[in-house]
Amino acid sequence: MQFEIDKKQIDKLMVLIDLREYEAYQEEHIENAIWTPIQKIITTPYLVLNKNQKYVLYCDKGMLSKKVCNILRKEGYQVWNLIGGYEKWKEK
């Protein structure tokens, strides 16, 4: 089952999480997005995520964040993958 979301579907209560390299996040990111290392979110999601909160994950093109979403969904987290990632988000 796929859990993907377009930028128009993002609810203001959802937390955006940037999974790109920290340098890329520092350079530019989606407004209000937080940065989290992929390894941390996969190995210890309970330190980063709350199962009662909804999250939208993104990477550059949406492929890596899609894999992370599938892992986290199996653990009971409410996560969606941003279709096309940050590159698609920047398009007008």
PDB file of N, CA and C in Angstrom:
ATOM      1  N   MET A   1       0.852  -1.193   0.000  1.00  0.00           N
ATOM      2  CA  MET A   1       0.000   0.000   0.000  1.00  0.00           C
ATOM      3  C   MET A   1       0.894   1.251   0.000  1.00  0.00           C
ATOM      4  N   GLN A   2       0.528   2.199  -0.826  1.00  0.00           N
ATOM      5  CA  GLN A   2       1.329   3.416  -0.933  1.00  0.00           C
ATOM      6  C   GLN A   2       0.693   4.548  -0.126  1.00  0.00           C
ATOM      7  N   PHE A   3       1.525   5.302   0.509  1.00  0.00           N
ATOM      8  CA  PHE A   3       1.072   6.459   1.268  1.00  0.00           C
ATOM      9  C   PHE A   3       1.844   7.660   0.757  1.00  0.00           C
ATOM     10  N   GLU A   4       1.344   8.214  -0.336  1.00  0.00           N
ATOM     11  CA  GLU A   4       2.014   9.352  -0.936  1.00  0.00           C
ATOM     12  C   GLU A   4       1.073  10.545  -0.936  1.00  0.00           C
ATOM     13  N   ILE A   5       1.672  11.718  -0.915  1.00  0.00           N
ATOM     14  CA  ILE A   5       0.898  12.939  -0.799  1.00  0.00           C
ATOM     15  C   ILE A   5       1.490  14.005  -1.721  1.00  0.00           C
ATOM     16  N   ASP A   6       0.617  14.780  -2.294  1.00  0.00           N
ATOM     17  CA  ASP A   6       1.018  15.906  -3.140  1.00  0.00           C
ATOM     18  C   ASP A   6       1.080  17.139  -2.243  1.00  0.00           C
ATOM     19  N   LYS A   7       1.860  18.137  -2.639  1.00  0.00           N
ATOM     20  CA  LYS A   7       2.005  19.313  -1.761  1.00  0.00           C
ATOM     21  C   LYS A   7       0.674  20.018  -1.497  1.00  0.00           C
ATOM     22  N   LYS A   8      -0.286  19.907  -2.410  1.00  0.00           N
ATOM     23  CA  LYS A   8      -1.595  20.548  -2.206  1.00  0.00           C
ATOM     24  C   LYS A   8      -2.417  19.835  -1.139  1.00  0.00           C
ATOM     25  N   GLN A   9      -2.062  18.589  -0.830  1.00  0.00           N
ATOM     26  CA  GLN A   9      -2.822  17.799   0.146  1.00  0.00           C
ATOM     27  C   GLN A   9      -2.280  17.913   1.567  1.00  0.00           C
ATOM     28  N   ILE A  10      -1.147  18.573   1.722  1.00  0.00           N
ATOM     29  CA  ILE A  10      -0.529  18.646   3.045  1.00  0.00           C
ATOM     30  C   ILE A  10      -1.368  19.514   3.979  1.00  0.00           C
ATOM     31  N   ASP A  11      -1.656  18.947   5.110  1.00  0.00           N
ATOM     32  CA  ASP A  11      -2.447  19.604   6.153  1.00  0.00           C
ATOM     33  C   ASP A  11      -1.494  20.430   7.019  1.00  0.00           C
ATOM     34  N   LYS A  12      -1.937  21.577   7.481  1.00  0.00           N
ATOM     35  CA  LYS A  12      -1.059  22.437   8.278  1.00  0.00           C
ATOM     36  C   LYS A  12      -0.661  21.807   9.617  1.00  0.00           C
ATOM     37  N   LEU A  13      -1.360  20.750  10.023  1.00  0.00           N
ATOM     38  CA  LEU A  13      -1.022  20.070  11.272  1.00  0.00           C
ATOM     39  C   LEU A  13       0.047  18.987  11.071  1.00  0.00           C
ATOM     40  N   MET A  14       0.367  18.691   9.820  1.00  0.00           N
ATOM     41  CA  MET A  14       1.393  17.691   9.533  1.00  0.00           C
ATOM     42  C   MET A  14       2.777  18.304   9.717  1.00  0.00           C
ATOM     43  N   VAL A  15       3.691  17.508  10.206  1.00  0.00           N
ATOM     44  CA  VAL A  15       5.067  17.951  10.393  1.00  0.00           C
ATOM     45  C   VAL A  15       5.881  17.482   9.184  1.00  0.00           C
ATOM     46  N   LEU A  16       6.581  18.414   8.554  1.00  0.00           N
ATOM     47  CA  LEU A  16       7.434  18.089   7.413  1.00  0.00           C
ATOM     48  C   LEU A  16       8.824  17.722   7.904  1.00  0.00           C
ATOM     49  N   ILE A  17       9.346  16.589   7.411  1.00  0.00           N
ATOM     50  CA  ILE A  17      10.675  16.142   7.800  1.00  0.00           C
ATOM     51  C   ILE A  17      11.543  15.983   6.559  1.00  0.00           C
ATOM     52  N   ASP A  18      12.645  16.703   6.556  1.00  0.00           N
ATOM     53  CA  ASP A  18      13.614  16.691   5.460  1.00  0.00           C
ATOM     54  C   ASP A  18      14.645  15.604   5.741  1.00  0.00           C
ATOM     55  N   LEU A  19      14.763  14.656   4.812  1.00  0.00           N
ATOM     56  CA  LEU A  19      15.708  13.549   4.981  1.00  0.00           C
ATOM     57  C   LEU A  19      16.960  13.701   4.115  1.00  0.00           C
ATOM     58  N   ARG A  20      17.101  14.847   3.478  1.00  0.00           N
ATOM     59  CA  ARG A  20      18.272  15.068   2.626  1.00  0.00           C
ATOM     60  C   ARG A  20      19.514  15.288   3.484  1.00  0.00           C
ATOM     61  N   GLU A  21      20.654  15.425   2.844  1.00  0.00           N
ATOM     62  CA  GLU A  21      21.890  15.720   3.565  1.00  0.00           C
ATOM     63  C   GLU A  21      21.718  17.042   4.318  1.00  0.00           C
ATOM     64  N   TYR A  22      22.347  17.158   5.473  1.00  0.00           N
ATOM     65  CA  TYR A  22      22.197  18.355   6.303  1.00  0.00           C
ATOM     66  C   TYR A  22      22.602  19.626   5.556  1.00  0.00           C
ATOM     67  N   GLU A  23      23.644  19.528   4.738  1.00  0.00           N
ATOM     68  CA  GLU A  23      24.105  20.685   3.974  1.00  0.00           C
ATOM     69  C   GLU A  23      23.016  21.186   3.024  1.00  0.00           C
ATOM     70  N   ALA A  24      22.314  20.244   2.389  1.00  0.00           N
ATOM     71  CA  ALA A  24      21.222  20.613   1.474  1.00  0.00           C
ATOM     72  C   ALA A  24      20.083  21.276   2.248  1.00  0.00           C
ATOM     73  N   TYR A  25      19.775  20.738   3.419  1.00  0.00           N
ATOM     74  CA  TYR A  25      18.734  21.315   4.270  1.00  0.00           C
ATOM     75  C   TYR A  25      19.102  22.739   4.675  1.00  0.00           C
ATOM     76  N   GLN A  26      20.372  22.931   5.068  1.00  0.00           N
ATOM     77  CA  GLN A  26      20.817  24.267   5.491  1.00  0.00           C
ATOM     78  C   GLN A  26      20.729  25.271   4.342  1.00  0.00           C
ATOM     79  N   GLU A  27      21.010  24.806   3.142  1.00  0.00           N
ATOM     80  CA  GLU A  27      20.994  25.682   1.973  1.00  0.00           C
ATOM     81  C   GLU A  27      19.570  26.155   1.667  1.00  0.00           C
ATOM     82  N   GLU A  28      18.640  25.230   1.639  1.00  0.00           N
ATOM     83  CA  GLU A  28      17.228  25.554   1.431  1.00  0.00           C
ATOM     84  C   GLU A  28      16.377  24.343   1.784  1.00  0.00           C
ATOM     85  N   HIS A  29      15.171  24.625   2.262  1.00  0.00           N
ATOM     86  CA  HIS A  29      14.231  23.558   2.611  1.00  0.00           C
ATOM     87  C   HIS A  29      12.806  24.126   2.615  1.00  0.00           C
ATOM     88  N   ILE A  30      11.858  23.238   2.704  1.00  0.00           N
ATOM     89  CA  ILE A  30      10.457  23.654   2.770  1.00  0.00           C
ATOM     90  C   ILE A  30      10.249  24.375   4.098  1.00  0.00           C
ATOM     91  N   GLU A  31       9.527  25.484   4.036  1.00  0.00           N
ATOM     92  CA  GLU A  31       9.274  26.284   5.237  1.00  0.00           C
ATOM     93  C   GLU A  31       8.713  25.430   6.366  1.00  0.00           C
ATOM     94  N   ASN A  32       9.263  25.601   7.547  1.00  0.00           N
ATOM     95  CA  ASN A  32       8.874  24.902   8.779  1.00  0.00           C
ATOM     96  C   ASN A  32       9.279  23.428   8.828  1.00  0.00           C
ATOM     97  N   ALA A  33       9.980  22.936   7.810  1.00  0.00           N
ATOM     98  CA  ALA A  33      10.429  21.541   7.839  1.00  0.00           C
ATOM     99  C   ALA A  33      11.565  21.390   8.845  1.00  0.00           C
ATOM    100  N   ILE A  34      11.615  20.225   9.472  1.00  0.00           N
ATOM    101  CA  ILE A  34      12.715  19.927  10.377  1.00  0.00           C
ATOM    102  C   ILE A  34      13.626  18.904   9.706  1.00  0.00           C
ATOM    103  N   TRP A  35      14.895  18.910  10.067  1.00  0.00           N
ATOM    104  CA  TRP A  35      15.843  17.966   9.495  1.00  0.00           C
ATOM    105  C   TRP A  35      16.101  16.848  10.483  1.00  0.00           C
ATOM    106  N   THR A  36      16.124  15.630   9.970  1.00  0.00           N
ATOM    107  CA  THR A  36      16.434  14.464  10.790  1.00  0.00           C
ATOM    108  C   THR A  36      17.299  13.513   9.974  1.00  0.00           C
ATOM    109  N   PRO A  37      18.375  12.994  10.567  1.00  0.00           N
ATOM    110  CA  PRO A  37      19.191  12.028   9.834  1.00  0.00           C
ATOM    111  C   PRO A  37      18.391  10.746   9.561  1.00  0.00           C
ATOM    112  N   ILE A  38      18.504  10.235   8.356  1.00  0.00           N
ATOM    113  CA  ILE A  38      17.765   9.023   7.980  1.00  0.00           C
ATOM    114  C   ILE A  38      18.064   7.872   8.937  1.00  0.00           C
ATOM    115  N   GLN A  39      19.328   7.667   9.255  1.00  0.00           N
ATOM    116  CA  GLN A  39      19.704   6.548  10.119  1.00  0.00           C
ATOM    117  C   GLN A  39      18.994   6.620  11.466  1.00  0.00           C
ATOM    118  N   LYS A  40      18.869   7.812  12.012  1.00  0.00           N
ATOM    119  CA  LYS A  40      18.220   7.992  13.312  1.00  0.00           C
ATOM    120  C   LYS A  40      16.724   7.686  13.230  1.00  0.00           C
ATOM    121  N   ILE A  41      16.087   8.161  12.170  1.00  0.00           N
ATOM    122  CA  ILE A  41      14.640   7.967  12.048  1.00  0.00           C
ATOM    123  C   ILE A  41      14.291   6.492  11.784  1.00  0.00           C
ATOM    124  N   ILE A  42      15.216   5.762  11.167  1.00  0.00           N
ATOM    125  CA  ILE A  42      14.974   4.340  10.899  1.00  0.00           C
ATOM    126  C   ILE A  42      15.278   3.491  12.133  1.00  0.00           C
ATOM    127  N   THR A  43      16.407   3.758  12.784  1.00  0.00           N
ATOM    128  CA  THR A  43      16.820   2.905  13.903  1.00  0.00           C
ATOM    129  C   THR A  43      16.146   3.250  15.231  1.00  0.00           C
ATOM    130  N   THR A  44      15.861   4.541  15.449  1.00  0.00           N
ATOM    131  CA  THR A  44      15.224   4.943  16.715  1.00  0.00           C
ATOM    132  C   THR A  44      14.113   5.959  16.441  1.00  0.00           C
ATOM    133  N   PRO A  45      13.078   5.547  15.698  1.00  0.00           N
ATOM    134  CA  PRO A  45      12.022   6.507  15.352  1.00  0.00           C
ATOM    135  C   PRO A  45      11.315   7.090  16.575  1.00  0.00           C
ATOM    136  N   TYR A  46      11.247   6.321  17.656  1.00  0.00           N
ATOM    137  CA  TYR A  46      10.587   6.795  18.879  1.00  0.00           C
ATOM    138  C   TYR A  46      11.272   8.015  19.500  1.00  0.00           C
ATOM    139  N   LEU A  47      12.536   8.272  19.124  1.00  0.00           N
ATOM    140  CA  LEU A  47      13.230   9.466  19.616  1.00  0.00           C
ATOM    141  C   LEU A  47      12.876  10.703  18.799  1.00  0.00           C
ATOM    142  N   VAL A  48      12.304  10.487  17.622  1.00  0.00           N
ATOM    143  CA  VAL A  48      12.026  11.583  16.689  1.00  0.00           C
ATOM    144  C   VAL A  48      10.522  11.775  16.460  1.00  0.00           C
ATOM    145  N   LEU A  49       9.802  10.669  16.395  1.00  0.00           N
ATOM    146  CA  LEU A  49       8.392  10.706  16.007  1.00  0.00           C
ATOM    147  C   LEU A  49       7.451  10.337  17.148  1.00  0.00           C
ATOM    148  N   ASN A  50       6.204  10.797  17.016  1.00  0.00           N
ATOM    149  CA  ASN A  50       5.128  10.483  17.950  1.00  0.00           C
ATOM    150  C   ASN A  50       4.053   9.784  17.126  1.00  0.00           C
ATOM    151  N   LYS A  51       3.569   8.650  17.568  1.00  0.00           N
ATOM    152  CA  LYS A  51       2.581   7.891  16.786  1.00  0.00           C
ATOM    153  C   LYS A  51       1.240   8.609  16.651  1.00  0.00           C
ATOM    154  N   ASN A  52       1.010   9.643  17.451  1.00  0.00           N
ATOM    155  CA  ASN A  52      -0.234  10.411  17.355  1.00  0.00           C
ATOM    156  C   ASN A  52      -0.129  11.593  16.397  1.00  0.00           C
ATOM    157  N   GLN A  53       1.055  11.856  15.896  1.00  0.00           N
ATOM    158  CA  GLN A  53       1.311  12.985  14.995  1.00  0.00           C
ATOM    159  C   GLN A  53       1.397  12.482  13.554  1.00  0.00           C
ATOM    160  N   LYS A  54       1.004  13.336  12.597  1.00  0.00           N
ATOM    161  CA  LYS A  54       1.123  13.001  11.178  1.00  0.00           C
ATOM    162  C   LYS A  54       2.345  13.706  10.601  1.00  0.00           C
ATOM    163  N   TYR A  55       3.098  12.976   9.771  1.00  0.00           N
ATOM    164  CA  TYR A  55       4.339  13.491   9.201  1.00  0.00           C
ATOM    165  C   TYR A  55       4.365  13.330   7.689  1.00  0.00           C
ATOM    166  N   VAL A  56       5.043  14.256   7.036  1.00  0.00           N
ATOM    167  CA  VAL A  56       5.321  14.157   5.604  1.00  0.00           C
ATOM    168  C   VAL A  56       6.834  14.132   5.472  1.00  0.00           C
ATOM    169  N   LEU A  57       7.358  13.052   4.888  1.00  0.00           N
ATOM    170  CA  LEU A  57       8.799  12.912   4.714  1.00  0.00           C
ATOM    171  C   LEU A  57       9.171  13.247   3.280  1.00  0.00           C
ATOM    172  N   TYR A  58      10.336  13.856   3.119  1.00  0.00           N
ATOM    173  CA  TYR A  58      10.812  14.108   1.759  1.00  0.00           C
ATOM    174  C   TYR A  58      12.323  14.038   1.675  1.00  0.00           C
ATOM    175  N   CYS A  59      12.769  13.682   0.465  1.00  0.00           N
ATOM    176  CA  CYS A  59      14.195  13.680   0.135  1.00  0.00           C
ATOM    177  C   CYS A  59      14.304  14.472  -1.174  1.00  0.00           C
ATOM    178  N   ASP A  60      15.348  14.252  -1.965  1.00  0.00           N
ATOM    179  CA  ASP A  60      15.495  15.007  -3.215  1.00  0.00           C
ATOM    180  C   ASP A  60      14.389  14.700  -4.230  1.00  0.00           C
ATOM    181  N   LYS A  61      14.197  13.418  -4.529  1.00  0.00           N
ATOM    182  CA  LYS A  61      13.242  13.025  -5.572  1.00  0.00           C
ATOM    183  C   LYS A  61      12.076  12.184  -5.065  1.00  0.00           C
ATOM    184  N   GLY A  62      12.076  11.859  -3.781  1.00  0.00           N
ATOM    185  CA  GLY A  62      10.971  11.103  -3.208  1.00  0.00           C
ATOM    186  C   GLY A  62      11.165   9.600  -3.180  1.00  0.00           C
ATOM    187  N   MET A  63      12.290   9.111  -3.649  1.00  0.00           N
ATOM    188  CA  MET A  63      12.509   7.666  -3.679  1.00  0.00           C
ATOM    189  C   MET A  63      12.971   7.125  -2.316  1.00  0.00           C
ATOM    190  N   LEU A  64      13.947   7.759  -1.740  1.00  0.00           N
ATOM    191  CA  LEU A  64      14.463   7.328  -0.440  1.00  0.00           C
ATOM    192  C   LEU A  64      13.421   7.542   0.658  1.00  0.00           C
ATOM    193  N   SER A  65      12.757   8.687   0.624  1.00  0.00           N
ATOM    194  CA  SER A  65      11.737   8.964   1.647  1.00  0.00           C
ATOM    195  C   SER A  65      10.575   7.970   1.539  1.00  0.00           C
ATOM    196  N   LYS A  66      10.307   7.491   0.344  1.00  0.00           N
ATOM    197  CA  LYS A  66       9.247   6.486   0.143  1.00  0.00           C
ATOM    198  C   LYS A  66       9.611   5.195   0.874  1.00  0.00           C
ATOM    199  N   LYS A  67      10.869   4.783   0.767  1.00  0.00           N
ATOM    200  CA  LYS A  67      11.333   3.571   1.462  1.00  0.00           C
ATOM    201  C   LYS A  67      11.253   3.749   2.974  1.00  0.00           C
ATOM    202  N   VAL A  68      11.656   4.925   3.445  1.00  0.00           N
ATOM    203  CA  VAL A  68      11.610   5.203   4.886  1.00  0.00           C
ATOM    204  C   VAL A  68      10.156   5.186   5.372  1.00  0.00           C
ATOM    205  N   CYS A  69       9.255   5.746   4.581  1.00  0.00           N
ATOM    206  CA  CYS A  69       7.829   5.744   4.941  1.00  0.00           C
ATOM    207  C   CYS A  69       7.303   4.314   5.089  1.00  0.00           C
ATOM    208  N   ASN A  70       7.674   3.447   4.158  1.00  0.00           N
ATOM    209  CA  ASN A  70       7.218   2.057   4.221  1.00  0.00           C
ATOM    210  C   ASN A  70       7.697   1.382   5.505  1.00  0.00           C
ATOM    211  N   ILE A  71       8.920   1.636   5.899  1.00  0.00           N
ATOM    212  CA  ILE A  71       9.470   1.071   7.142  1.00  0.00           C
ATOM    213  C   ILE A  71       8.694   1.604   8.346  1.00  0.00           C
ATOM    214  N   LEU A  72       8.498   2.914   8.394  1.00  0.00           N
ATOM    215  CA  LEU A  72       7.835   3.543   9.540  1.00  0.00           C
ATOM    216  C   LEU A  72       6.352   3.196   9.628  1.00  0.00           C
ATOM    217  N   ARG A  73       5.693   3.051   8.483  1.00  0.00           N
ATOM    218  CA  ARG A  73       4.281   2.658   8.470  1.00  0.00           C
ATOM    219  C   ARG A  73       4.097   1.303   9.139  1.00  0.00           C
ATOM    220  N   LYS A  74       5.018   0.389   8.860  1.00  0.00           N
ATOM    221  CA  LYS A  74       4.937  -0.961   9.452  1.00  0.00           C
ATOM    222  C   LYS A  74       5.088  -0.915  10.965  1.00  0.00           C
ATOM    223  N   GLU A  75       5.720   0.142  11.466  1.00  0.00           N
ATOM    224  CA  GLU A  75       5.908   0.300  12.906  1.00  0.00           C
ATOM    225  C   GLU A  75       4.798   1.142  13.543  1.00  0.00           C
ATOM    226  N   GLY A  76       3.806   1.512  12.751  1.00  0.00           N
ATOM    227  CA  GLY A  76       2.651   2.203  13.304  1.00  0.00           C
ATOM    228  C   GLY A  76       2.679   3.720  13.269  1.00  0.00           C
ATOM    229  N   TYR A  77       3.643   4.296  12.533  1.00  0.00           N
ATOM    230  CA  TYR A  77       3.715   5.757  12.443  1.00  0.00           C
ATOM    231  C   TYR A  77       2.865   6.266  11.286  1.00  0.00           C
ATOM    232  N   GLN A  78       2.295   7.450  11.463  1.00  0.00           N
ATOM    233  CA  GLN A  78       1.458   8.091  10.442  1.00  0.00           C
ATOM    234  C   GLN A  78       2.351   8.972   9.571  1.00  0.00           C
ATOM    235  N   VAL A  79       2.901   8.366   8.526  1.00  0.00           N
ATOM    236  CA  VAL A  79       3.828   9.071   7.652  1.00  0.00           C
ATOM    237  C   VAL A  79       3.386   8.968   6.198  1.00  0.00           C
ATOM    238  N   TRP A  80       3.638  10.046   5.472  1.00  0.00           N
ATOM    239  CA  TRP A  80       3.352  10.106   4.039  1.00  0.00           C
ATOM    240  C   TRP A  80       4.609  10.555   3.317  1.00  0.00           C
ATOM    241  N   ASN A  81       4.761  10.080   2.099  1.00  0.00           N
ATOM    242  CA  ASN A  81       5.884  10.478   1.263  1.00  0.00           C
ATOM    243  C   ASN A  81       5.442  11.616   0.355  1.00  0.00           C
ATOM    244  N   LEU A  82       6.259  12.661   0.278  1.00  0.00           N
ATOM    245  CA  LEU A  82       5.964  13.780  -0.623  1.00  0.00           C
ATOM    246  C   LEU A  82       6.315  13.349  -2.050  1.00  0.00           C
ATOM    247  N   ILE A  83       5.317  13.291  -2.905  1.00  0.00           N
ATOM    248  CA  ILE A  83       5.508  12.860  -4.292  1.00  0.00           C
ATOM    249  C   ILE A  83       6.526  13.753  -4.995  1.00  0.00           C
ATOM    250  N   GLY A  84       7.559  13.131  -5.558  1.00  0.00           N
ATOM    251  CA  GLY A  84       8.578  13.875  -6.302  1.00  0.00           C
ATOM    252  C   GLY A  84       9.620  14.569  -5.441  1.00  0.00           C
ATOM    253  N   GLY A  85       9.464  14.496  -4.118  1.00  0.00           N
ATOM    254  CA  GLY A  85      10.433  15.082  -3.204  1.00  0.00           C
ATOM    255  C   GLY A  85      10.590  16.580  -3.311  1.00  0.00           C
ATOM    256  N   TYR A  86      11.734  17.057  -2.846  1.00  0.00           N
ATOM    257  CA  TYR A  86      11.980  18.507  -2.810  1.00  0.00           C
ATOM    258  C   TYR A  86      12.036  19.100  -4.209  1.00  0.00           C
ATOM    259  N   GLU A  87      12.576  18.342  -5.169  1.00  0.00           N
ATOM    260  CA  GLU A  87      12.668  18.863  -6.534  1.00  0.00           C
ATOM    261  C   GLU A  87      11.294  19.197  -7.104  1.00  0.00           C
ATOM    262  N   LYS A  88      10.322  18.307  -6.866  1.00  0.00           N
ATOM    263  CA  LYS A  88       8.957  18.549  -7.353  1.00  0.00           C
ATOM    264  C   LYS A  88       8.316  19.707  -6.585  1.00  0.00           C
ATOM    265  N   TRP A  89       8.591  19.800  -5.285  1.00  0.00           N
ATOM    266  CA  TRP A  89       8.031  20.871  -4.445  1.00  0.00           C
ATOM    267  C   TRP A  89       8.413  22.243  -5.000  1.00  0.00           C
ATOM    268  N   LYS A  90       9.663  22.368  -5.450  1.00  0.00           N
ATOM    269  CA  LYS A  90      10.156  23.676  -5.930  1.00  0.00           C
ATOM    270  C   LYS A  90       9.537  24.105  -7.246  1.00  0.00           C
ATOM    271  N   GLU A  91       8.991  23.160  -8.018  1.00  0.00           N
ATOM    272  CA  GLU A  91       8.375  23.524  -9.306  1.00  0.00           C
ATOM    273  C   GLU A  91       7.145  24.375  -9.068  1.00  0.00           C
ATOM    274  N   LYS A  92       6.897  25.277  -9.971  1.00  0.00           N
ATOM    275  CA  LYS A  92       5.725  26.160  -9.857  1.00  0.00           C
ATOM    276  C   LYS A  92       4.477  25.454 -10.358  1.00  0.00           C
TER     277      LYS A  92
END
